[in-house]
Structure formats: structure tokens, C-alpha cells
N, C-alpha and C. Protein backbone atom coordinates (compact mmCIF):
# COMPACT_ATOMS: atom_id res chain seq x y z
N UNK A 1 160.88 158.11 24.52
CA UNK A 1 160.75 159.12 25.57
C UNK A 1 161.99 159.03 26.46
N UNK A 2 162.64 160.16 26.68
CA UNK A 2 163.85 160.11 27.49
C UNK A 2 163.52 160.00 28.99
N UNK A 3 164.53 159.62 29.75
CA UNK A 3 164.37 159.35 31.18
C UNK A 3 163.89 160.59 31.94
N UNK A 4 164.42 161.74 31.57
CA UNK A 4 164.06 162.98 32.26
C UNK A 4 162.58 163.33 32.01
N UNK A 5 162.14 163.19 30.78
CA UNK A 5 160.74 163.47 30.45
C UNK A 5 159.81 162.46 31.13
N UNK A 6 160.23 161.22 31.20
CA UNK A 6 159.44 160.19 31.87
C UNK A 6 159.26 160.52 33.36
N UNK A 7 160.36 160.94 33.99
CA UNK A 7 160.31 161.33 35.41
C UNK A 7 159.40 162.53 35.61
N UNK A 8 159.55 163.54 34.76
CA UNK A 8 158.73 164.75 34.91
C UNK A 8 157.26 164.48 34.62
N UNK A 9 156.97 163.68 33.60
CA UNK A 9 155.58 163.46 33.23
C UNK A 9 154.89 162.47 34.16
N UNK A 10 155.42 161.27 34.27
CA UNK A 10 154.75 160.26 35.10
C UNK A 10 155.09 160.41 36.58
N UNK A 11 156.34 160.69 36.88
CA UNK A 11 156.76 160.82 38.27
C UNK A 11 156.10 162.00 38.97
N UNK A 12 156.34 163.21 38.44
CA UNK A 12 155.74 164.40 39.06
C UNK A 12 154.22 164.39 38.90
N UNK A 13 153.72 163.88 37.79
CA UNK A 13 152.27 163.79 37.62
C UNK A 13 151.63 162.96 38.72
N UNK A 14 152.24 161.82 39.03
CA UNK A 14 151.71 160.97 40.10
C UNK A 14 151.87 161.63 41.46
N UNK A 15 153.03 162.21 41.73
CA UNK A 15 153.28 162.86 43.03
C UNK A 15 152.29 163.99 43.26
N UNK A 16 152.07 164.82 42.24
CA UNK A 16 151.12 165.93 42.40
C UNK A 16 149.71 165.41 42.63
N UNK A 17 149.31 164.38 41.89
CA UNK A 17 147.99 163.79 42.11
C UNK A 17 147.90 163.24 43.54
N UNK A 18 148.94 162.55 43.99
CA UNK A 18 148.94 161.94 45.31
C UNK A 18 148.84 162.99 46.42
N UNK A 19 149.50 164.13 46.24
CA UNK A 19 149.40 165.20 47.23
C UNK A 19 147.95 165.66 47.36
N UNK A 20 147.28 165.87 46.24
CA UNK A 20 145.87 166.26 46.28
C UNK A 20 144.98 165.19 46.89
N UNK A 21 145.27 163.95 46.57
CA UNK A 21 144.49 162.82 47.09
C UNK A 21 144.62 162.73 48.61
N UNK A 22 145.85 162.81 49.10
CA UNK A 22 146.10 162.75 50.55
C UNK A 22 145.47 163.95 51.25
N UNK A 23 145.61 165.13 50.65
CA UNK A 23 144.97 166.32 51.22
C UNK A 23 143.45 166.13 51.29
N UNK A 24 142.88 165.57 50.25
CA UNK A 24 141.43 165.33 50.23
C UNK A 24 141.00 164.41 51.35
N UNK A 25 141.74 163.35 51.57
CA UNK A 25 141.41 162.41 52.65
C UNK A 25 141.58 163.08 54.00
N UNK A 26 142.68 163.81 54.18
CA UNK A 26 142.94 164.48 55.46
C UNK A 26 141.91 165.55 55.76
N UNK A 27 141.54 166.33 54.75
CA UNK A 27 140.60 167.43 54.97
C UNK A 27 139.14 166.98 54.98
N UNK A 28 138.89 165.76 54.54
CA UNK A 28 137.52 165.24 54.49
C UNK A 28 136.83 165.33 55.84
N UNK A 29 137.60 165.23 56.90
CA UNK A 29 137.03 165.21 58.25
C UNK A 29 136.80 166.61 58.81
N UNK A 30 137.32 167.64 58.15
CA UNK A 30 137.15 169.00 58.68
C UNK A 30 136.51 169.97 57.68
N UNK A 31 136.44 169.59 56.43
CA UNK A 31 135.85 170.45 55.40
C UNK A 31 134.65 169.73 54.80
N UNK A 32 133.53 170.43 54.62
CA UNK A 32 132.38 169.78 53.97
C UNK A 32 132.77 169.27 52.59
N UNK A 33 132.33 168.07 52.24
CA UNK A 33 132.70 167.48 50.94
C UNK A 33 132.42 168.40 49.75
N UNK A 34 131.38 169.20 49.81
CA UNK A 34 131.05 170.08 48.69
C UNK A 34 132.08 171.21 48.52
N UNK A 35 132.87 171.48 49.55
CA UNK A 35 133.87 172.54 49.49
C UNK A 35 135.30 172.01 49.37
N UNK A 36 135.45 170.72 49.46
CA UNK A 36 136.78 170.10 49.49
C UNK A 36 137.64 170.50 48.31
N UNK A 37 137.12 170.39 47.11
CA UNK A 37 137.88 170.75 45.91
C UNK A 37 138.28 172.21 45.88
N UNK A 38 137.41 173.07 46.38
CA UNK A 38 137.69 174.51 46.39
C UNK A 38 138.78 174.85 47.39
N UNK A 39 138.94 174.04 48.43
CA UNK A 39 140.01 174.26 49.41
C UNK A 39 141.33 173.70 48.88
N UNK A 40 141.28 172.56 48.23
CA UNK A 40 142.49 171.90 47.74
C UNK A 40 143.06 172.60 46.50
N UNK A 41 142.22 173.14 45.64
CA UNK A 41 142.68 173.72 44.37
C UNK A 41 143.75 174.79 44.53
N UNK A 42 143.58 175.80 45.40
CA UNK A 42 144.66 176.80 45.52
C UNK A 42 145.97 176.20 46.03
N UNK A 43 145.87 175.26 46.94
CA UNK A 43 147.08 174.59 47.45
C UNK A 43 147.75 173.82 46.31
N UNK A 44 146.94 173.09 45.57
CA UNK A 44 147.46 172.32 44.44
C UNK A 44 148.10 173.20 43.38
N UNK A 45 147.51 174.36 43.12
CA UNK A 45 148.08 175.29 42.14
C UNK A 45 149.46 175.77 42.58
N UNK A 46 149.58 176.12 43.84
CA UNK A 46 150.87 176.62 44.36
C UNK A 46 151.93 175.53 44.27
N UNK A 47 151.58 174.32 44.70
CA UNK A 47 152.53 173.20 44.66
C UNK A 47 152.91 172.88 43.21
N UNK A 48 151.93 172.85 42.34
CA UNK A 48 152.18 172.54 40.93
C UNK A 48 153.08 173.59 40.29
N UNK A 49 152.81 174.86 40.54
CA UNK A 49 153.67 175.92 39.99
C UNK A 49 155.08 175.83 40.54
N UNK A 50 155.21 175.50 41.81
CA UNK A 50 156.54 175.34 42.40
C UNK A 50 157.30 174.21 41.68
N UNK A 51 156.62 173.09 41.48
CA UNK A 51 157.25 171.96 40.78
C UNK A 51 157.65 172.38 39.36
N UNK A 52 156.73 173.03 38.66
CA UNK A 52 157.01 173.43 37.29
C UNK A 52 158.17 174.42 37.18
N UNK A 53 158.25 175.33 38.13
CA UNK A 53 159.27 176.38 38.04
C UNK A 53 160.60 175.99 38.67
N UNK A 54 160.58 175.10 39.66
CA UNK A 54 161.82 174.76 40.37
C UNK A 54 162.36 173.36 40.07
N UNK A 55 161.48 172.43 39.75
CA UNK A 55 161.92 171.04 39.59
C UNK A 55 161.95 170.55 38.14
N UNK A 56 161.05 171.05 37.33
CA UNK A 56 160.99 170.62 35.93
C UNK A 56 161.96 171.48 35.12
N UNK A 57 162.87 170.83 34.43
CA UNK A 57 163.91 171.55 33.68
C UNK A 57 163.78 171.37 32.17
N UNK A 58 162.63 170.95 31.72
CA UNK A 58 162.45 170.72 30.29
C UNK A 58 162.54 171.99 29.48
N UNK A 59 162.88 171.82 28.22
CA UNK A 59 162.99 172.95 27.31
C UNK A 59 162.03 172.75 26.15
N UNK A 60 161.46 173.83 25.74
CA UNK A 60 160.56 173.79 24.59
C UNK A 60 159.12 173.57 25.01
N UNK A 61 158.24 174.17 24.25
CA UNK A 61 156.81 174.06 24.56
C UNK A 61 156.29 172.64 24.37
N UNK A 62 156.91 171.88 23.46
CA UNK A 62 156.48 170.50 23.25
C UNK A 62 156.65 169.68 24.53
N UNK A 63 157.73 169.92 25.25
CA UNK A 63 158.00 169.23 26.51
C UNK A 63 156.86 169.49 27.50
N UNK A 64 156.46 170.75 27.61
CA UNK A 64 155.41 171.13 28.55
C UNK A 64 154.03 170.68 28.08
N UNK A 65 153.85 170.57 26.77
CA UNK A 65 152.60 170.01 26.24
C UNK A 65 152.49 168.53 26.63
N UNK A 66 153.59 167.82 26.53
CA UNK A 66 153.59 166.40 26.94
C UNK A 66 153.27 166.29 28.43
N UNK A 67 153.86 167.17 29.25
CA UNK A 67 153.54 167.18 30.68
C UNK A 67 152.06 167.44 30.89
N UNK A 68 151.53 168.44 30.20
CA UNK A 68 150.12 168.80 30.36
C UNK A 68 149.22 167.61 30.04
N UNK A 69 149.50 166.93 28.96
CA UNK A 69 148.68 165.78 28.56
C UNK A 69 148.84 164.65 29.58
N UNK A 70 150.08 164.31 29.92
CA UNK A 70 150.33 163.19 30.85
C UNK A 70 149.71 163.47 32.22
N UNK A 71 149.92 164.66 32.75
CA UNK A 71 149.39 164.99 34.07
C UNK A 71 147.87 164.98 34.09
N UNK A 72 147.26 165.47 33.01
CA UNK A 72 145.80 165.49 32.95
C UNK A 72 145.23 164.08 32.82
N UNK A 73 145.83 163.27 31.97
CA UNK A 73 145.36 161.89 31.83
C UNK A 73 145.54 161.13 33.15
N UNK A 74 146.69 161.30 33.79
CA UNK A 74 146.90 160.65 35.10
C UNK A 74 145.84 161.09 36.10
N UNK A 75 145.58 162.39 36.17
CA UNK A 75 144.59 162.90 37.13
C UNK A 75 143.21 162.29 36.87
N UNK A 76 142.81 162.25 35.62
CA UNK A 76 141.48 161.72 35.29
C UNK A 76 141.39 160.23 35.61
N UNK A 77 142.38 159.47 35.19
CA UNK A 77 142.37 158.01 35.41
C UNK A 77 142.46 157.67 36.89
N UNK A 78 143.41 158.30 37.60
CA UNK A 78 143.58 157.99 39.02
C UNK A 78 142.38 158.46 39.85
N UNK A 79 141.80 159.60 39.50
CA UNK A 79 140.59 160.05 40.19
C UNK A 79 139.47 159.03 40.01
N UNK A 80 139.33 158.56 38.78
CA UNK A 80 138.25 157.60 38.51
C UNK A 80 138.45 156.31 39.31
N UNK A 81 139.66 155.79 39.30
CA UNK A 81 139.93 154.53 40.00
C UNK A 81 139.87 154.69 41.52
N UNK A 82 140.56 155.72 42.03
CA UNK A 82 140.74 155.82 43.48
C UNK A 82 139.75 156.73 44.20
N UNK A 83 138.89 157.42 43.46
CA UNK A 83 137.86 158.22 44.11
C UNK A 83 136.48 157.75 43.67
N UNK A 84 136.22 157.82 42.37
CA UNK A 84 134.89 157.47 41.87
C UNK A 84 134.57 156.00 42.14
N UNK A 85 135.44 155.11 41.73
CA UNK A 85 135.18 153.67 41.92
C UNK A 85 135.37 153.24 43.38
N UNK A 86 136.41 153.74 44.04
CA UNK A 86 136.71 153.30 45.40
C UNK A 86 135.72 153.82 46.43
N UNK A 87 135.34 155.10 46.30
CA UNK A 87 134.47 155.70 47.32
C UNK A 87 133.03 155.88 46.87
N UNK A 88 132.80 155.83 45.55
CA UNK A 88 131.46 155.99 45.00
C UNK A 88 130.71 157.13 45.71
N UNK A 89 131.17 158.38 45.58
CA UNK A 89 130.54 159.50 46.28
C UNK A 89 129.05 159.58 46.01
N UNK A 90 128.28 159.73 47.07
CA UNK A 90 126.82 159.71 46.94
C UNK A 90 126.28 160.86 46.09
N UNK A 91 126.90 162.02 46.19
CA UNK A 91 126.42 163.16 45.40
C UNK A 91 127.20 163.32 44.09
N UNK A 92 127.95 162.30 43.73
CA UNK A 92 128.75 162.34 42.52
C UNK A 92 130.09 163.01 42.77
N UNK A 93 130.96 162.92 41.83
CA UNK A 93 132.30 163.49 41.98
C UNK A 93 132.55 164.63 40.99
N UNK A 94 132.04 164.49 39.79
CA UNK A 94 132.37 165.44 38.73
C UNK A 94 131.49 166.68 38.81
N UNK A 95 132.08 167.72 39.41
CA UNK A 95 131.41 169.02 39.55
C UNK A 95 132.38 170.09 39.06
N UNK A 96 131.97 171.34 39.15
CA UNK A 96 132.77 172.45 38.62
C UNK A 96 134.19 172.46 39.17
N UNK A 97 134.37 172.19 40.46
CA UNK A 97 135.72 172.21 41.04
C UNK A 97 136.63 171.15 40.41
N UNK A 98 136.08 170.01 40.10
CA UNK A 98 136.87 168.93 39.48
C UNK A 98 137.25 169.29 38.05
N UNK A 99 136.30 169.87 37.31
CA UNK A 99 136.61 170.28 35.94
C UNK A 99 137.64 171.41 35.94
N UNK A 100 137.55 172.32 36.89
CA UNK A 100 138.55 173.37 37.02
C UNK A 100 139.92 172.77 37.30
N UNK A 101 139.96 171.78 38.17
CA UNK A 101 141.21 171.08 38.50
C UNK A 101 141.81 170.45 37.25
N UNK A 102 141.01 169.80 36.42
CA UNK A 102 141.52 169.19 35.20
C UNK A 102 142.04 170.25 34.22
N UNK A 103 141.30 171.35 34.08
CA UNK A 103 141.73 172.43 33.19
C UNK A 103 143.05 173.02 33.68
N UNK A 104 143.17 173.28 34.98
CA UNK A 104 144.41 173.84 35.53
C UNK A 104 145.57 172.86 35.38
N UNK A 105 145.29 171.58 35.56
CA UNK A 105 146.33 170.55 35.40
C UNK A 105 146.89 170.58 33.98
N UNK A 106 146.03 170.89 33.03
CA UNK A 106 146.48 170.97 31.64
C UNK A 106 147.15 172.30 31.32
N UNK A 107 146.58 173.38 31.81
CA UNK A 107 147.04 174.72 31.44
C UNK A 107 148.32 175.15 32.17
N UNK A 108 148.47 174.81 33.44
CA UNK A 108 149.63 175.28 34.20
C UNK A 108 150.98 174.88 33.58
N UNK A 109 151.14 173.64 33.11
CA UNK A 109 152.42 173.33 32.45
C UNK A 109 152.66 174.17 31.19
N UNK A 110 151.60 174.46 30.45
CA UNK A 110 151.75 175.27 29.24
C UNK A 110 152.15 176.70 29.59
N UNK A 111 151.53 177.25 30.63
CA UNK A 111 151.87 178.60 31.07
C UNK A 111 153.32 178.64 31.55
N UNK A 112 153.71 177.65 32.34
CA UNK A 112 155.09 177.61 32.84
C UNK A 112 156.08 177.47 31.68
N UNK A 113 155.75 176.65 30.71
CA UNK A 113 156.62 176.48 29.54
C UNK A 113 156.77 177.77 28.76
N UNK A 114 155.66 178.49 28.54
CA UNK A 114 155.72 179.77 27.82
C UNK A 114 156.51 180.80 28.63
N UNK A 115 156.30 180.82 29.94
CA UNK A 115 157.01 181.76 30.80
C UNK A 115 158.51 181.50 30.77
N UNK A 116 158.89 180.23 30.87
CA UNK A 116 160.32 179.88 30.83
C UNK A 116 160.92 180.23 29.47
N UNK A 117 160.16 180.02 28.40
CA UNK A 117 160.65 180.34 27.06
C UNK A 117 160.90 181.84 26.95
N UNK A 118 159.96 182.64 27.41
CA UNK A 118 160.11 184.10 27.36
C UNK A 118 161.28 184.56 28.24
N UNK A 119 161.40 183.94 29.39
CA UNK A 119 162.48 184.29 30.32
C UNK A 119 163.85 183.99 29.68
N UNK A 120 163.97 182.83 29.03
CA UNK A 120 165.24 182.48 28.40
C UNK A 120 165.50 183.35 27.18
N UNK A 121 164.45 183.77 26.49
CA UNK A 121 164.60 184.69 25.35
C UNK A 121 165.20 186.01 25.82
N UNK A 122 164.73 186.48 26.97
CA UNK A 122 165.22 187.74 27.52
C UNK A 122 166.70 187.67 27.88
N UNK A 123 167.15 186.52 28.31
CA UNK A 123 168.56 186.34 28.65
C UNK A 123 169.46 186.35 27.42
N UNK A 124 168.91 185.86 26.30
CA UNK A 124 169.72 185.71 25.10
C UNK A 124 169.63 186.91 24.16
N UNK A 125 168.82 187.91 24.51
CA UNK A 125 168.72 189.05 23.58
C UNK A 125 169.58 190.21 23.99
């Protein structure tokens, strides 16, 4: 795995997860826990798309597939360790908003990769 892919997959994957985690802790005191994920998700989508479109410079759909897998695995593992195990939420953690978050974490890199591929195709035709 090259250095650039490692930075994009593990580095940005961790940073994006950390942004959501910090937002969750900060908003916990002002947003009901049952709505927390629904408030964080749109913010997370915007930040993730910004990272994918402005900071990630990978080429090829395989690159974005690797990001999708790495980011999703990081999100699941870090959520389990730092939310489920650490806080042991009384009403549970895994609900529709969390599953949506995991799906978006996987799909957004693929969408960005396809969009960039189409955009570069347009430049070369």
C-alpha cells in the first residue's frame, strides 16, 4: 500500500470518524440522544464530500473502493470501542441512523470516485 493511499484511507478515515465523535460528545448536551445521529449525519456528509472532492487525489475506482472499505471498517471498530464499550448506551447504539451512517461511509467514496472518473473523462474527450 503506498503512502498516499495509507494517508487517505487510515488518516482521513480516522479524522472523519473523530469529527463525528467529537460532534456527538459536544451535541450530547443539547440534542436528545435519539436525534443525535440524525443531526450529525448531514454535517458528516458535507465534511466527507469536501474531503473526498478537495483532499483525496486518488485515481481509479479501486482506490475509492479501498477508501470505502477502510473508512467503514474504521467507523465500525472505533464506534464499538469508543461508544458501545466505553459508554454502554442504555437504549443501545445500533439504530437506523447508525446503519445509514455506515452505508454512507461506504457509498460516498464510491460516488466521489465515479464522479471524478466521469469528470476526467470529459476533460480528455
